């Protein structure tokens, strides 16, 4: 029953129209609709002994969830919102980005609606959805507290964009979606990639990782066979060689018969640039060793015994 308020224009016994709702009531209704829309593709994943986790039917027959919640490689099942319980096969996993991909046949629900615009802004309203039990569904409400550029996880995975939602991920929520106010999914939530709280893996990164896992069952990563650490370049060397950068990367270990060794790089060489990009941190190197660079010759500029020289290193694939 609707209780009218003075000046509300609501007739006793009637439901208010959309125009008669207060802004807060309209927002509440819109968020509930967004949850209802997105939840149709949110599933329960039974991949560990105790608490089930949440997953998303990302594409037809393909479920994405958090890798750390899938503790076994077989005897995995997925429960749909309809209550239908289906066997799932692990198609691949990537611990560095905490994503796992499952193949599920016979799903009778439609895949999720994805927001591929990658236009999240700090302060934007979002919801985290979870279905940690076959008969349980819940949502957590908050805002985007941080949104910045590409970043590397503490496990070495490359993510297109750093997104941190300010909301609660309840037990079983990892692997579930972050949803915008329109009901579109903007990423997959996880509590395992940083020491400072929950983060969301954006749709663009999920799609990239998903494609690789479906194709190979693993993520291809380039490597040079080097251990490096930053080093400040001596001032007199910078002046003599007209170098603008203050730091380089000194090779402290070169893997035997690795790409760097085959290219002629030695311990003590200082890397200044790779593929014409200055390198002053190991992250700068890793960001250049993308899967498409595997097998590609890259020119590296180095400082050796006080002189500049260039080498050509062919990027290898990490086993």
C-alpha atoms as a PDB file:
ATOM      1  CA  UNK A   1       0.000   0.000   0.000  1.00  0.00           C
ATOM      2  CA  UNK A   2       1.256   3.471  -0.888  1.00  0.00           C
ATOM      3  CA  UNK A   3       1.021   6.078   1.852  1.00  0.00           C
ATOM      4  CA  UNK A   4       0.687   9.513   0.282  1.00  0.00           C
ATOM      5  CA  UNK A   5       2.697  12.441   1.580  1.00  0.00           C
ATOM      6  CA  UNK A   6       1.452  16.010   1.567  1.00  0.00           C
ATOM      7  CA  UNK A   7       1.898  17.531  -1.856  1.00  0.00           C
ATOM      8  CA  UNK A   8       2.986  14.246  -3.406  1.00  0.00           C
ATOM      9  CA  UNK A   9       0.056  14.018  -5.762  1.00  0.00           C
ATOM     10  CA  UNK A  10      -0.340  10.324  -5.014  1.00  0.00           C
ATOM     11  CA  UNK A  11      -3.887   9.082  -4.633  1.00  0.00           C
ATOM     12  CA  UNK A  12      -4.466   6.701  -1.691  1.00  0.00           C
ATOM     13  CA  UNK A  13      -4.475   3.092  -2.872  1.00  0.00           C
ATOM     14  CA  UNK A  14      -2.555   3.822  -6.092  1.00  0.00           C
ATOM     15  CA  UNK A  15       1.052   3.195  -7.105  1.00  0.00           C
ATOM     16  CA  UNK A  16       3.081   6.270  -8.037  1.00  0.00           C
ATOM     17  CA  UNK A  17       4.046   6.713 -11.659  1.00  0.00           C
ATOM     18  CA  UNK A  18       7.664   7.136 -12.693  1.00  0.00           C
ATOM     19  CA  UNK A  19       7.156  10.900 -12.860  1.00  0.00           C
ATOM     20  CA  UNK A  20       5.802  10.956  -9.301  1.00  0.00           C
ATOM     21  CA  UNK A  21       8.778   9.118  -7.766  1.00  0.00           C
ATOM     22  CA  UNK A  22      11.373  11.125  -5.903  1.00  0.00           C
ATOM     23  CA  UNK A  23      14.875  11.192  -7.478  1.00  0.00           C
ATOM     24  CA  UNK A  24      16.120   8.822  -4.782  1.00  0.00           C
ATOM     25  CA  UNK A  25      13.251   6.413  -5.372  1.00  0.00           C
ATOM     26  CA  UNK A  26      13.893   6.496  -9.132  1.00  0.00           C
ATOM     27  CA  UNK A  27      17.570   5.779  -8.532  1.00  0.00           C
ATOM     28  CA  UNK A  28      16.675   2.884  -6.277  1.00  0.00           C
ATOM     29  CA  UNK A  29      14.328   1.458  -8.908  1.00  0.00           C
ATOM     30  CA  UNK A  30      16.911   1.887 -11.663  1.00  0.00           C
ATOM     31  CA  UNK A  31      19.616   0.108  -9.654  1.00  0.00           C
ATOM     32  CA  UNK A  32      17.263  -2.752  -8.863  1.00  0.00           C
ATOM     33  CA  UNK A  33      16.499  -3.048 -12.580  1.00  0.00           C
ATOM     34  CA  UNK A  34      20.230  -3.045 -13.367  1.00  0.00           C
ATOM     35  CA  UNK A  35      20.786  -5.889 -10.915  1.00  0.00           C
ATOM     36  CA  UNK A  36      17.866  -7.842 -12.321  1.00  0.00           C
ATOM     37  CA  UNK A  37      19.178  -7.401 -15.872  1.00  0.00           C
ATOM     38  CA  UNK A  38      22.770  -8.404 -15.117  1.00  0.00           C
ATOM     39  CA  UNK A  39      21.956 -11.248 -12.723  1.00  0.00           C
ATOM     40  CA  UNK A  40      20.446 -13.306 -15.547  1.00  0.00           C
ATOM     41  CA  UNK A  41      23.992 -14.229 -16.670  1.00  0.00           C
ATOM     42  CA  UNK A  42      25.529 -14.677 -13.196  1.00  0.00           C
ATOM     43  CA  UNK A  43      26.128 -18.300 -12.183  1.00  0.00           C
ATOM     44  CA  UNK A  44      27.398 -20.324  -9.245  1.00  0.00           C
ATOM     45  CA  UNK A  45      30.715 -22.124  -9.742  1.00  0.00           C
ATOM     46  CA  UNK A  46      31.433 -25.279  -7.742  1.00  0.00           C
ATOM     47  CA  UNK A  47      35.191 -25.568  -8.083  1.00  0.00           C
ATOM     48  CA  UNK A  48      36.392 -25.941  -4.507  1.00  0.00           C
ATOM     49  CA  UNK A  49      35.509 -28.027  -1.502  1.00  0.00           C
ATOM     50  CA  UNK A  50      33.801 -25.457   0.668  1.00  0.00           C
ATOM     51  CA  UNK A  51      32.346 -22.159  -0.449  1.00  0.00           C
ATOM     52  CA  UNK A  52      31.185 -22.007  -4.091  1.00  0.00           C
ATOM     53  CA  UNK A  53      32.086 -18.883  -6.038  1.00  0.00           C
ATOM     54  CA  UNK A  54      30.503 -16.643  -8.629  1.00  0.00           C
ATOM     55  CA  UNK A  55      30.995 -16.675 -12.386  1.00  0.00           C
ATOM     56  CA  UNK A  56      29.616 -14.977 -15.487  1.00  0.00           C
ATOM     57  CA  UNK A  57      28.334 -16.571 -18.672  1.00  0.00           C
ATOM     58  CA  UNK A  58      30.601 -14.340 -20.771  1.00  0.00           C
ATOM     59  CA  UNK A  59      29.883 -15.915 -24.141  1.00  0.00           C
ATOM     60  CA  UNK A  60      27.704 -18.772 -25.304  1.00  0.00           C
ATOM     61  CA  UNK A  61      28.998 -21.861 -23.510  1.00  0.00           C
ATOM     62  CA  UNK A  62      31.829 -19.929 -21.807  1.00  0.00           C
ATOM     63  CA  UNK A  63      31.943 -18.982 -18.113  1.00  0.00           C
ATOM     64  CA  UNK A  64      34.582 -16.666 -16.639  1.00  0.00           C
ATOM     65  CA  UNK A  65      35.407 -16.749 -12.936  1.00  0.00           C
ATOM     66  CA  UNK A  66      38.292 -16.097 -10.529  1.00  0.00           C
ATOM     67  CA  UNK A  67      41.164 -18.558 -10.808  1.00  0.00           C
ATOM     68  CA  UNK A  68      41.786 -18.773  -7.057  1.00  0.00           C
ATOM     69  CA  UNK A  69      38.248 -20.075  -6.525  1.00  0.00           C
ATOM     70  CA  UNK A  70      38.739 -23.030  -8.889  1.00  0.00           C
ATOM     71  CA  UNK A  71      40.885 -25.338  -6.789  1.00  0.00           C
ATOM     72  CA  UNK A  72      40.516 -28.432  -8.958  1.00  0.00           C
ATOM     73  CA  UNK A  73      40.878 -29.155 -12.661  1.00  0.00           C
ATOM     74  CA  UNK A  74      37.960 -31.571 -12.978  1.00  0.00           C
ATOM     75  CA  UNK A  75      34.624 -32.403 -11.354  1.00  0.00           C
ATOM     76  CA  UNK A  76      33.605 -28.762 -11.712  1.00  0.00           C
ATOM     77  CA  UNK A  77      29.939 -27.863 -12.017  1.00  0.00           C
ATOM     78  CA  UNK A  78      28.033 -24.650 -12.695  1.00  0.00           C
ATOM     79  CA  UNK A  79      24.550 -23.793 -11.469  1.00  0.00           C
ATOM     80  CA  UNK A  80      22.528 -21.432 -13.644  1.00  0.00           C
ATOM     81  CA  UNK A  81      20.064 -18.848 -12.277  1.00  0.00           C
ATOM     82  CA  UNK A  82      17.320 -21.222 -13.410  1.00  0.00           C
ATOM     83  CA  UNK A  83      18.626 -23.858 -11.010  1.00  0.00           C
ATOM     84  CA  UNK A  84      19.982 -26.017 -13.830  1.00  0.00           C
ATOM     85  CA  UNK A  85      23.197 -27.746 -12.776  1.00  0.00           C
ATOM     86  CA  UNK A  86      25.718 -28.446 -15.552  1.00  0.00           C
ATOM     87  CA  UNK A  87      29.181 -30.033 -15.732  1.00  0.00           C
ATOM     88  CA  UNK A  88      31.998 -27.657 -16.663  1.00  0.00           C
ATOM     89  CA  UNK A  89      35.414 -28.268 -18.197  1.00  0.00           C
ATOM     90  CA  UNK A  90      38.388 -26.087 -17.345  1.00  0.00           C
ATOM     91  CA  UNK A  91      39.517 -24.491 -20.620  1.00  0.00           C
ATOM     92  CA  UNK A  92      42.427 -22.615 -19.093  1.00  0.00           C
ATOM     93  CA  UNK A  93      43.576 -20.486 -16.195  1.00  0.00           C
ATOM     94  CA  UNK A  94      45.884 -17.535 -15.646  1.00  0.00           C
ATOM     95  CA  UNK A  95      46.985 -17.077 -12.029  1.00  0.00           C
ATOM     96  CA  UNK A  96      48.762 -13.797 -12.884  1.00  0.00           C
ATOM     97  CA  UNK A  97      45.415 -12.121 -13.612  1.00  0.00           C
ATOM     98  CA  UNK A  98      43.321 -14.451 -11.409  1.00  0.00           C
ATOM     99  CA  UNK A  99      41.065 -15.531 -14.264  1.00  0.00           C
ATOM    100  CA  UNK A 100      39.795 -18.997 -15.140  1.00  0.00           C
ATOM    101  CA  UNK A 101      37.697 -20.000 -18.143  1.00  0.00           C
ATOM    102  CA  UNK A 102      35.182 -22.849 -18.118  1.00  0.00           C
ATOM    103  CA  UNK A 103      33.374 -24.498 -21.007  1.00  0.00           C
ATOM    104  CA  UNK A 104      29.743 -25.301 -20.231  1.00  0.00           C
ATOM    105  CA  UNK A 105      27.459 -27.088 -22.658  1.00  0.00           C
ATOM    106  CA  UNK A 106      23.694 -26.937 -22.563  1.00  0.00           C
ATOM    107  CA  UNK A 107      23.289 -23.545 -20.870  1.00  0.00           C
ATOM    108  CA  UNK A 108      19.815 -22.187 -21.528  1.00  0.00           C
ATOM    109  CA  UNK A 109      20.530 -18.587 -20.538  1.00  0.00           C
ATOM    110  CA  UNK A 110      21.833 -15.704 -22.621  1.00  0.00           C
ATOM    111  CA  UNK A 111      25.392 -14.390 -22.225  1.00  0.00           C
ATOM    112  CA  UNK A 112      26.067 -11.219 -20.282  1.00  0.00           C
ATOM    113  CA  UNK A 113      25.650  -7.720 -21.698  1.00  0.00           C
ATOM    114  CA  UNK A 114      29.163  -6.229 -21.641  1.00  0.00           C
ATOM    115  CA  UNK A 115      30.158  -2.583 -21.503  1.00  0.00           C
ATOM    116  CA  UNK A 116      33.173  -2.390 -23.814  1.00  0.00           C
ATOM    117  CA  UNK A 117      33.511   1.408 -23.753  1.00  0.00           C
ATOM    118  CA  UNK A 118      36.051   1.332 -20.896  1.00  0.00           C
ATOM    119  CA  UNK A 119      34.845   4.754 -19.758  1.00  0.00           C
ATOM    120  CA  UNK A 120      34.491   4.229 -15.999  1.00  0.00           C
ATOM    121  CA  UNK A 121      35.157   7.331 -13.938  1.00  0.00           C
ATOM    122  CA  UNK A 122      35.940   7.885 -10.277  1.00  0.00           C
ATOM    123  CA  UNK A 123      32.705   8.412  -8.364  1.00  0.00           C
ATOM    124  CA  UNK A 124      30.550   6.425 -10.768  1.00  0.00           C
ATOM    125  CA  UNK A 125      27.929   4.208  -9.121  1.00  0.00           C
ATOM    126  CA  UNK A 126      28.516   0.468  -9.482  1.00  0.00           C
ATOM    127  CA  UNK A 127      27.314  -2.821  -8.033  1.00  0.00           C
ATOM    128  CA  UNK A 128      29.089  -6.093  -7.341  1.00  0.00           C
ATOM    129  CA  UNK A 129      26.926  -9.167  -7.856  1.00  0.00           C
ATOM    130  CA  UNK A 130      27.398 -12.540  -6.250  1.00  0.00           C
ATOM    131  CA  UNK A 131      25.753 -15.937  -6.509  1.00  0.00           C
ATOM    132  CA  UNK A 132      27.846 -17.996  -4.058  1.00  0.00           C
ATOM    133  CA  UNK A 133      25.106 -20.561  -3.568  1.00  0.00           C
ATOM    134  CA  UNK A 134      22.601 -22.241  -5.846  1.00  0.00           C
ATOM    135  CA  UNK A 135      19.718 -20.490  -4.102  1.00  0.00           C
ATOM    136  CA  UNK A 136      21.583 -17.361  -3.047  1.00  0.00           C
ATOM    137  CA  UNK A 137      21.921 -14.094  -4.922  1.00  0.00           C
ATOM    138  CA  UNK A 138      23.011 -10.760  -3.532  1.00  0.00           C
ATOM    139  CA  UNK A 139      24.448  -7.404  -4.497  1.00  0.00           C
ATOM    140  CA  UNK A 140      26.823  -4.858  -3.002  1.00  0.00           C
ATOM    141  CA  UNK A 141      26.585  -1.153  -3.808  1.00  0.00           C
ATOM    142  CA  UNK A 142      29.365   1.439  -4.048  1.00  0.00           C
ATOM    143  CA  UNK A 143      31.375   3.732  -6.295  1.00  0.00           C
ATOM    144  CA  UNK A 144      34.545   3.627  -8.356  1.00  0.00           C
ATOM    145  CA  UNK A 145      37.241   4.902  -5.992  1.00  0.00           C
ATOM    146  CA  UNK A 146      40.179   4.654  -8.433  1.00  0.00           C
ATOM    147  CA  UNK A 147      40.491   4.374 -12.204  1.00  0.00           C
ATOM    148  CA  UNK A 148      43.821   4.795 -13.944  1.00  0.00           C
ATOM    149  CA  UNK A 149      45.969   3.380 -16.722  1.00  0.00           C
ATOM    150  CA  UNK A 150      47.563  -0.014 -17.405  1.00  0.00           C
ATOM    151  CA  UNK A 151      49.137  -1.840 -14.486  1.00  0.00           C
ATOM    152  CA  UNK A 152      50.978  -5.033 -13.656  1.00  0.00           C
ATOM    153  CA  UNK A 153      49.663  -7.294 -10.919  1.00  0.00           C
ATOM    154  CA  UNK A 154      51.908  -8.471  -8.097  1.00  0.00           C
ATOM    155  CA  UNK A 155      51.890 -11.847  -9.890  1.00  0.00           C
ATOM    156  CA  UNK A 156      53.162 -10.352 -13.146  1.00  0.00           C
ATOM    157  CA  UNK A 157      49.913 -10.165 -15.144  1.00  0.00           C
ATOM    158  CA  UNK A 158      49.237  -7.217 -17.422  1.00  0.00           C
ATOM    159  CA  UNK A 159      45.878  -5.445 -16.988  1.00  0.00           C
ATOM    160  CA  UNK A 160      44.647  -2.752 -19.380  1.00  0.00           C
ATOM    161  CA  UNK A 161      43.339  -0.488 -16.638  1.00  0.00           C
ATOM    162  CA  UNK A 162      43.444  -0.250 -12.857  1.00  0.00           C
ATOM    163  CA  UNK A 163      39.900  -0.170 -11.462  1.00  0.00           C
ATOM    164  CA  UNK A 164      39.180  -0.239  -7.741  1.00  0.00           C
ATOM    165  CA  UNK A 165      35.556  -0.253  -6.552  1.00  0.00           C
ATOM    166  CA  UNK A 166      34.711   1.002  -3.075  1.00  0.00           C
ATOM    167  CA  UNK A 167      32.268  -1.697  -2.028  1.00  0.00           C
ATOM    168  CA  UNK A 168      32.205  -4.991  -0.155  1.00  0.00           C
ATOM    169  CA  UNK A 169      33.032  -8.267  -1.849  1.00  0.00           C
ATOM    170  CA  UNK A 170      31.308 -10.766   0.385  1.00  0.00           C
ATOM    171  CA  UNK A 171      32.544 -14.391   0.637  1.00  0.00           C
ATOM    172  CA  UNK A 172      31.981 -16.080  -2.720  1.00  0.00           C
ATOM    173  CA  UNK A 173      31.821 -12.825  -4.694  1.00  0.00           C
ATOM    174  CA  UNK A 174      35.240 -13.196  -6.375  1.00  0.00           C
ATOM    175  CA  UNK A 175      34.761 -14.098 -10.023  1.00  0.00           C
ATOM    176  CA  UNK A 176      31.496 -12.206 -10.139  1.00  0.00           C
ATOM    177  CA  UNK A 177      30.768  -9.058 -12.154  1.00  0.00           C
ATOM    178  CA  UNK A 178      31.016  -5.364 -11.491  1.00  0.00           C
ATOM    179  CA  UNK A 179      27.924  -3.780 -13.015  1.00  0.00           C
ATOM    180  CA  UNK A 180      27.187  -0.194 -14.029  1.00  0.00           C
ATOM    181  CA  UNK A 181      23.900   1.614 -13.465  1.00  0.00           C
ATOM    182  CA  UNK A 182      22.532   0.378 -16.808  1.00  0.00           C
ATOM    183  CA  UNK A 183      23.002  -3.288 -15.906  1.00  0.00           C
ATOM    184  CA  UNK A 184      25.992  -3.831 -18.176  1.00  0.00           C
ATOM    185  CA  UNK A 185      29.039  -5.690 -16.906  1.00  0.00           C
ATOM    186  CA  UNK A 186      32.244  -3.641 -16.781  1.00  0.00           C
ATOM    187  CA  UNK A 187      34.574  -6.294 -15.397  1.00  0.00           C
ATOM    188  CA  UNK A 188      35.274  -9.247 -13.113  1.00  0.00           C
ATOM    189  CA  UNK A 189      35.917  -8.690  -9.405  1.00  0.00           C
ATOM    190  CA  UNK A 190      38.712 -10.307  -7.432  1.00  0.00           C
ATOM    191  CA  UNK A 191      40.227  -9.944  -3.978  1.00  0.00           C
ATOM    192  CA  UNK A 192      43.533 -11.613  -4.864  1.00  0.00           C
ATOM    193  CA  UNK A 193      45.545  -9.326  -7.166  1.00  0.00           C
ATOM    194  CA  UNK A 194      46.642  -6.583  -4.767  1.00  0.00           C
ATOM    195  CA  UNK A 195      47.504  -6.298  -1.102  1.00  0.00           C
ATOM    196  CA  UNK A 196      45.432  -3.152  -0.764  1.00  0.00           C
ATOM    197  CA  UNK A 197      41.938  -4.446  -1.464  1.00  0.00           C
ATOM    198  CA  UNK A 198      39.559  -5.504  -4.203  1.00  0.00           C
ATOM    199  CA  UNK A 199      40.077  -4.705  -7.870  1.00  0.00           C
ATOM    200  CA  UNK A 200      38.108  -5.219 -11.055  1.00  0.00           C
ATOM    201  CA  UNK A 201      39.574  -6.706 -14.234  1.00  0.00           C
ATOM    202  CA  UNK A 202      38.052  -4.653 -17.088  1.00  0.00           C
ATOM    203  CA  UNK A 203      36.130  -6.212 -19.969  1.00  0.00           C
ATOM    204  CA  UNK A 204      38.932  -5.479 -22.440  1.00  0.00           C
ATOM    205  CA  UNK A 205      41.488  -7.440 -20.395  1.00  0.00           C
ATOM    206  CA  UNK A 206      39.067 -10.294 -19.770  1.00  0.00           C
ATOM    207  CA  UNK A 207      38.427 -10.605 -23.511  1.00  0.00           C
ATOM    208  CA  UNK A 208      42.146 -10.635 -24.334  1.00  0.00           C
ATOM    209  CA  UNK A 209      42.933 -13.284 -21.709  1.00  0.00           C
ATOM    210  CA  UNK A 210      39.845 -15.294 -22.609  1.00  0.00           C
ATOM    211  CA  UNK A 211      40.817 -15.470 -26.291  1.00  0.00           C
ATOM    212  CA  UNK A 212      44.300 -16.718 -25.439  1.00  0.00           C
ATOM    213  CA  UNK A 213      43.083 -19.301 -22.945  1.00  0.00           C
ATOM    214  CA  UNK A 214      40.525 -20.664 -25.393  1.00  0.00           C
ATOM    215  CA  UNK A 215      43.161 -20.857 -28.129  1.00  0.00           C
ATOM    216  CA  UNK A 216      46.073 -22.281 -26.132  1.00  0.00           C
ATOM    217  CA  UNK A 217      44.862 -23.103 -22.638  1.00  0.00           C
ATOM    218  CA  UNK A 218      47.518 -20.754 -21.250  1.00  0.00           C
ATOM    219  CA  UNK A 219      48.823 -17.213 -21.612  1.00  0.00           C
ATOM    220  CA  UNK A 220      51.811 -16.665 -23.884  1.00  0.00           C
ATOM    221  CA  UNK A 221      54.363 -14.306 -22.363  1.00  0.00           C
ATOM    222  CA  UNK A 222      57.497 -12.978 -23.943  1.00  0.00           C
ATOM    223  CA  UNK A 223      60.853 -13.107 -22.170  1.00  0.00           C
ATOM    224  CA  UNK A 224      64.482 -12.175 -22.751  1.00  0.00           C
ATOM    225  CA  UNK A 225      66.168 -14.450 -20.222  1.00  0.00           C
ATOM    226  CA  UNK A 226      67.471 -11.601 -18.103  1.00  0.00           C
ATOM    227  CA  UNK A 227      67.583 -10.574 -14.482  1.00  0.00           C
ATOM    228  CA  UNK A 228      67.916  -6.805 -14.219  1.00  0.00           C
ATOM    229  CA  UNK A 229      67.875  -4.008 -11.692  1.00  0.00           C
ATOM    230  CA  UNK A 230      67.727  -0.222 -12.066  1.00  0.00           C
ATOM    231  CA  UNK A 231      71.010   1.672 -11.916  1.00  0.00           C
ATOM    232  CA  UNK A 232      71.759   5.389 -11.999  1.00  0.00           C
ATOM    233  CA  UNK A 233      73.961   6.397 -14.902  1.00  0.00           C
ATOM    234  CA  UNK A 234      77.137   8.265 -13.912  1.00  0.00           C
ATOM    235  CA  UNK A 235      76.850  11.988 -14.599  1.00  0.00           C
ATOM    236  CA  UNK A 236      80.093  12.180 -16.564  1.00  0.00           C
ATOM    237  CA  UNK A 237      78.943   9.300 -18.806  1.00  0.00           C
ATOM    238  CA  UNK A 238      75.592  10.980 -19.454  1.00  0.00           C
ATOM    239  CA  UNK A 239      77.307  14.223 -20.411  1.00  0.00           C
ATOM    240  CA  UNK A 240      79.938  12.554 -22.588  1.00  0.00           C
ATOM    241  CA  UNK A 241      77.338  10.491 -24.471  1.00  0.00           C
ATOM    242  CA  UNK A 242      74.564  13.147 -24.471  1.00  0.00           C
ATOM    243  CA  UNK A 243      72.136  10.853 -22.642  1.00  0.00           C
ATOM    244  CA  UNK A 244      68.961  12.422 -21.283  1.00  0.00           C
ATOM    245  CA  UNK A 245      67.801   9.542 -19.086  1.00  0.00           C
ATOM    246  CA  UNK A 246      69.160   9.217 -15.574  1.00  0.00           C
ATOM    247  CA  UNK A 247      68.566   5.485 -15.118  1.00  0.00           C
ATOM    248  CA  UNK A 248      69.023   2.279 -17.044  1.00  0.00           C
ATOM    249  CA  UNK A 249      68.754  -1.435 -16.274  1.00  0.00           C
ATOM    250  CA  UNK A 250      71.905  -3.373 -15.538  1.00  0.00           C
ATOM    251  CA  UNK A 251      71.951  -7.071 -16.433  1.00  0.00           C
ATOM    252  CA  UNK A 252      72.839  -9.003 -13.272  1.00  0.00           C
ATOM    253  CA  UNK A 253      72.092 -12.441 -14.717  1.00  0.00           C
ATOM    254  CA  UNK A 254      71.830 -13.751 -18.277  1.00  0.00           C
ATOM    255  CA  UNK A 255      70.159 -17.136 -18.810  1.00  0.00           C
ATOM    256  CA  UNK A 256      72.336 -19.590 -20.688  1.00  0.00           C
ATOM    257  CA  UNK A 257      71.108 -19.976 -24.275  1.00  0.00           C
ATOM    258  CA  UNK A 258      68.268 -17.526 -23.606  1.00  0.00           C
ATOM    259  CA  UNK A 259      67.220 -14.815 -26.073  1.00  0.00           C
ATOM    260  CA  UNK A 260      69.517 -12.211 -24.487  1.00  0.00           C
ATOM    261  CA  UNK A 261      72.521 -14.546 -24.443  1.00  0.00           C
ATOM    262  CA  UNK A 262      71.945 -15.550 -28.068  1.00  0.00           C
ATOM    263  CA  UNK A 263      71.763 -11.858 -28.986  1.00  0.00           C
ATOM    264  CA  UNK A 264      75.168 -11.165 -27.443  1.00  0.00           C
ATOM    265  CA  UNK A 265      74.185  -9.421 -24.210  1.00  0.00           C
ATOM    266  CA  UNK A 266      76.468  -9.889 -21.184  1.00  0.00           C
ATOM    267  CA  UNK A 267      76.246  -9.468 -17.441  1.00  0.00           C
ATOM    268  CA  UNK A 268      77.099  -5.849 -16.636  1.00  0.00           C
ATOM    269  CA  UNK A 269      75.579  -4.415 -19.807  1.00  0.00           C
ATOM    270  CA  UNK A 270      73.197  -1.533 -19.085  1.00  0.00           C
ATOM    271  CA  UNK A 271      70.002  -1.488 -21.121  1.00  0.00           C
ATOM    272  CA  UNK A 272      68.903   2.008 -22.145  1.00  0.00           C
ATOM    273  CA  UNK A 273      66.116   1.327 -24.623  1.00  0.00           C
ATOM    274  CA  UNK A 274      64.209  -1.543 -26.197  1.00  0.00           C
ATOM    275  CA  UNK A 275      62.388  -1.140 -29.512  1.00  0.00           C
ATOM    276  CA  UNK A 276      63.187   2.589 -29.365  1.00  0.00           C
ATOM    277  CA  UNK A 277      61.444   2.893 -25.982  1.00  0.00           C
ATOM    278  CA  UNK A 278      63.536   4.078 -22.995  1.00  0.00           C
ATOM    279  CA  UNK A 279      63.631   1.485 -20.201  1.00  0.00           C
ATOM    280  CA  UNK A 280      64.255   2.576 -16.627  1.00  0.00           C
ATOM    281  CA  UNK A 281      62.345  -0.163 -14.776  1.00  0.00           C
ATOM    282  CA  UNK A 282      61.701  -3.863 -15.212  1.00  0.00           C
ATOM    283  CA  UNK A 283      58.001  -3.049 -15.653  1.00  0.00           C
ATOM    284  CA  UNK A 284      58.937  -1.029 -18.728  1.00  0.00           C
ATOM    285  CA  UNK A 285      60.611  -4.118 -20.187  1.00  0.00           C
ATOM    286  CA  UNK A 286      57.707  -6.412 -19.350  1.00  0.00           C
ATOM    287  CA  UNK A 287      55.162  -4.053 -20.891  1.00  0.00           C
ATOM    288  CA  UNK A 288      56.991  -4.399 -24.206  1.00  0.00           C
ATOM    289  CA  UNK A 289      57.103  -8.206 -24.138  1.00  0.00           C
ATOM    290  CA  UNK A 290      53.497  -8.723 -25.185  1.00  0.00           C
ATOM    291  CA  UNK A 291      52.376 -12.008 -26.790  1.00  0.00           C
ATOM    292  CA  UNK A 292      52.466 -10.481 -30.274  1.00  0.00           C
ATOM    293  CA  UNK A 293      56.182  -9.726 -29.824  1.00  0.00           C
ATOM    294  CA  UNK A 294      57.141 -13.405 -29.373  1.00  0.00           C
ATOM    295  CA  UNK A 295      59.527 -14.338 -32.177  1.00  0.00           C
ATOM    296  CA  UNK A 296      60.045 -10.692 -33.105  1.00  0.00           C
ATOM    297  CA  UNK A 297      63.568  -9.195 -33.300  1.00  0.00           C
ATOM    298  CA  UNK A 298      63.832  -6.060 -31.146  1.00  0.00           C
ATOM    299  CA  UNK A 299      66.704  -3.600 -31.145  1.00  0.00           C
ATOM    300  CA  UNK A 300      68.166  -2.936 -27.699  1.00  0.00           C
ATOM    301  CA  UNK A 301      70.472   0.002 -27.027  1.00  0.00           C
ATOM    302  CA  UNK A 302      73.026  -0.672 -24.315  1.00  0.00           C
ATOM    303  CA  UNK A 303      75.880   0.949 -22.476  1.00  0.00           C
ATOM    304  CA  UNK A 304      78.909  -1.345 -22.369  1.00  0.00           C
ATOM    305  CA  UNK A 305      82.255  -0.330 -20.870  1.00  0.00           C
ATOM    306  CA  UNK A 306      81.428   3.349 -21.281  1.00  0.00           C
ATOM    307  CA  UNK A 307      80.392   3.071 -24.945  1.00  0.00           C
ATOM    308  CA  UNK A 308      77.022   2.910 -26.661  1.00  0.00           C
ATOM    309  CA  UNK A 309      76.156  -0.039 -28.867  1.00  0.00           C
ATOM    310  CA  UNK A 310      73.062  -1.825 -30.190  1.00  0.00           C
ATOM    311  CA  UNK A 311      72.078  -5.483 -30.244  1.00  0.00           C
ATOM    312  CA  UNK A 312      69.156  -7.350 -31.735  1.00  0.00           C
ATOM    313  CA  UNK A 313      67.299  -9.704 -29.372  1.00  0.00           C
ATOM    314  CA  UNK A 314      64.560 -12.031 -30.575  1.00  0.00           C
ATOM    315  CA  UNK A 315      61.823 -12.303 -27.967  1.00  0.00           C
ATOM    316  CA  UNK A 316      61.322 -15.826 -26.663  1.00  0.00           C
ATOM    317  CA  UNK A 317      58.214 -17.442 -25.175  1.00  0.00           C
ATOM    318  CA  UNK A 318      58.149 -18.189 -21.489  1.00  0.00           C
ATOM    319  CA  UNK A 319      57.432 -21.852 -20.872  1.00  0.00           C
END
